[in-house]
Amino acid sequence: MSLFGREILCLRLPPWKRYYDTRNRLLVARKHRGAEFYYKTIPGTLVRLFTVLWLEPNRRAQAWAFFGGFVDGVLGRQPA
């Protein structure tokens, strides 16, 4: 999918994988990107959310999985 001339990669995933994909992308960026995490990664992740909600058939389950992964990734929550 293309948005504002930029290609957006959006994987078709079941909701449980959407959670881990979102959380893990944010955890890695949080650890390694510094300030870019706040002004590039988080906005880019929100663009990905809108793409997922547009393309995926089970929007409610995808949104719950995405938001769960988003919150855990931003807060740095990871498995014990």
C-alpha atoms as a PDB file:
ATOM      1  CA  MET A   1       0.000   0.000   0.000  1.00  0.00           C
ATOM      2  CA  SER A   2       1.250   3.496  -0.776  1.00  0.00           C
ATOM      3  CA  LEU A   3       0.558   6.590   1.332  1.00  0.00           C
ATOM      4  CA  PHE A   4       1.944  10.048   0.517  1.00  0.00           C
ATOM      5  CA  GLY A   5       4.331   8.442  -1.940  1.00  0.00           C
ATOM      6  CA  ARG A   6       5.768   6.042   0.648  1.00  0.00           C
ATOM      7  CA  GLU A   7       5.239   2.324   0.635  1.00  0.00           C
ATOM      8  CA  ILE A   8       3.664   0.937   3.828  1.00  0.00           C
ATOM      9  CA  LEU A   9       4.264  -2.683   4.669  1.00  0.00           C
ATOM     10  CA  CYS A  10       1.350  -4.232   6.486  1.00  0.00           C
ATOM     11  CA  LEU A  11       1.491  -7.932   7.156  1.00  0.00           C
ATOM     12  CA  ARG A  12      -1.728  -9.910   7.277  1.00  0.00           C
ATOM     13  CA  LEU A  13      -1.566 -11.574  10.660  1.00  0.00           C
ATOM     14  CA  PRO A  14      -3.952 -13.294  13.039  1.00  0.00           C
ATOM     15  CA  PRO A  15      -4.719 -11.093  16.061  1.00  0.00           C
ATOM     16  CA  TRP A  16      -2.401 -12.926  18.474  1.00  0.00           C
ATOM     17  CA  LYS A  17       0.516 -12.415  16.080  1.00  0.00           C
ATOM     18  CA  ARG A  18      -0.516  -8.767  15.571  1.00  0.00           C
ATOM     19  CA  TYR A  19      -0.053  -8.205  19.313  1.00  0.00           C
ATOM     20  CA  TYR A  20       3.477  -9.655  19.331  1.00  0.00           C
ATOM     21  CA  ASP A  21       4.458  -7.954  16.063  1.00  0.00           C
ATOM     22  CA  THR A  22       3.387  -4.555  17.382  1.00  0.00           C
ATOM     23  CA  ARG A  23       4.863  -5.022  20.861  1.00  0.00           C
ATOM     24  CA  ASN A  24       8.186  -6.375  19.633  1.00  0.00           C
ATOM     25  CA  ARG A  25       8.665  -3.668  17.000  1.00  0.00           C
ATOM     26  CA  LEU A  26       8.112  -1.037  19.686  1.00  0.00           C
ATOM     27  CA  LEU A  27      10.342  -2.756  22.264  1.00  0.00           C
ATOM     28  CA  VAL A  28      13.241  -2.932  19.813  1.00  0.00           C
ATOM     29  CA  ALA A  29      12.765   0.674  18.680  1.00  0.00           C
ATOM     30  CA  ARG A  30      12.422   1.862  22.289  1.00  0.00           C
ATOM     31  CA  LYS A  31      15.736   0.253  23.163  1.00  0.00           C
ATOM     32  CA  HIS A  32      17.739   1.219  20.068  1.00  0.00           C
ATOM     33  CA  ARG A  33      16.253   4.342  18.478  1.00  0.00           C
ATOM     34  CA  GLY A  34      16.491   6.958  21.218  1.00  0.00           C
ATOM     35  CA  ALA A  35      14.429  10.071  20.495  1.00  0.00           C
ATOM     36  CA  GLU A  36      13.448   8.678  17.083  1.00  0.00           C
ATOM     37  CA  PHE A  37      11.202   6.299  18.976  1.00  0.00           C
ATOM     38  CA  TYR A  38       8.910   9.196  19.900  1.00  0.00           C
ATOM     39  CA  TYR A  39       8.810  11.176  16.673  1.00  0.00           C
ATOM     40  CA  LYS A  40       9.160   8.393  14.073  1.00  0.00           C
ATOM     41  CA  THR A  41       8.313   4.977  15.488  1.00  0.00           C
ATOM     42  CA  ILE A  42       5.151   5.842  17.403  1.00  0.00           C
ATOM     43  CA  PRO A  43       3.600   7.895  14.557  1.00  0.00           C
ATOM     44  CA  GLY A  44       4.588   5.190  12.056  1.00  0.00           C
ATOM     45  CA  THR A  45       2.989   2.562  14.248  1.00  0.00           C
ATOM     46  CA  LEU A  46      -0.253   4.533  14.336  1.00  0.00           C
ATOM     47  CA  VAL A  47      -0.230   4.747  10.536  1.00  0.00           C
ATOM     48  CA  ARG A  48       0.186   0.973  10.526  1.00  0.00           C
ATOM     49  CA  LEU A  49      -2.895   0.710  12.785  1.00  0.00           C
ATOM     50  CA  PHE A  50      -5.071   2.578  10.287  1.00  0.00           C
ATOM     51  CA  THR A  51      -3.739   0.392   7.487  1.00  0.00           C
ATOM     52  CA  VAL A  52      -4.533  -2.753   9.476  1.00  0.00           C
ATOM     53  CA  LEU A  53      -8.040  -1.527  10.249  1.00  0.00           C
ATOM     54  CA  TRP A  54      -8.591  -0.735   6.597  1.00  0.00           C
ATOM     55  CA  LEU A  55      -7.320  -4.041   5.202  1.00  0.00           C
ATOM     56  CA  GLU A  56      -8.060  -6.725   7.777  1.00  0.00           C
ATOM     57  CA  PRO A  57     -11.480  -8.396   7.906  1.00  0.00           C
ATOM     58  CA  ASN A  58     -11.697  -8.918  11.702  1.00  0.00           C
ATOM     59  CA  ARG A  59     -11.202  -5.278  12.689  1.00  0.00           C
ATOM     60  CA  ARG A  60     -12.296  -5.508  16.314  1.00  0.00           C
ATOM     61  CA  ALA A  61      -9.922  -8.375  17.195  1.00  0.00           C
ATOM     62  CA  GLN A  62      -7.102  -6.736  15.226  1.00  0.00           C
ATOM     63  CA  ALA A  63      -7.627  -3.410  16.998  1.00  0.00           C
ATOM     64  CA  TRP A  64      -7.602  -5.030  20.464  1.00  0.00           C
ATOM     65  CA  ALA A  65      -4.446  -6.968  19.646  1.00  0.00           C
ATOM     66  CA  PHE A  66      -2.794  -3.876  18.178  1.00  0.00           C
ATOM     67  CA  PHE A  67      -3.618  -1.640  21.140  1.00  0.00           C
ATOM     68  CA  GLY A  68      -2.473  -4.273  23.624  1.00  0.00           C
ATOM     69  CA  GLY A  69       0.849  -4.602  21.815  1.00  0.00           C
ATOM     70  CA  PHE A  70       1.133  -0.834  21.468  1.00  0.00           C
ATOM     71  CA  VAL A  71       0.634  -0.167  25.186  1.00  0.00           C
ATOM     72  CA  ASP A  72       3.006  -2.958  26.246  1.00  0.00           C
ATOM     73  CA  GLY A  73       5.628  -1.862  23.721  1.00  0.00           C
ATOM     74  CA  VAL A  74       5.502   1.823  24.652  1.00  0.00           C
ATOM     75  CA  LEU A  75       5.635   1.011  28.360  1.00  0.00           C
ATOM     76  CA  GLY A  76       8.446  -1.494  27.849  1.00  0.00           C
ATOM     77  CA  ARG A  77       6.499  -4.475  29.149  1.00  0.00           C
ATOM     78  CA  GLN A  78       7.964  -7.780  28.083  1.00  0.00           C
ATOM     79  CA  PRO A  79       7.601 -11.368  29.177  1.00  0.00           C
ATOM     80  CA  ALA A  80       9.222 -12.342  32.475  1.00  0.00           C
END
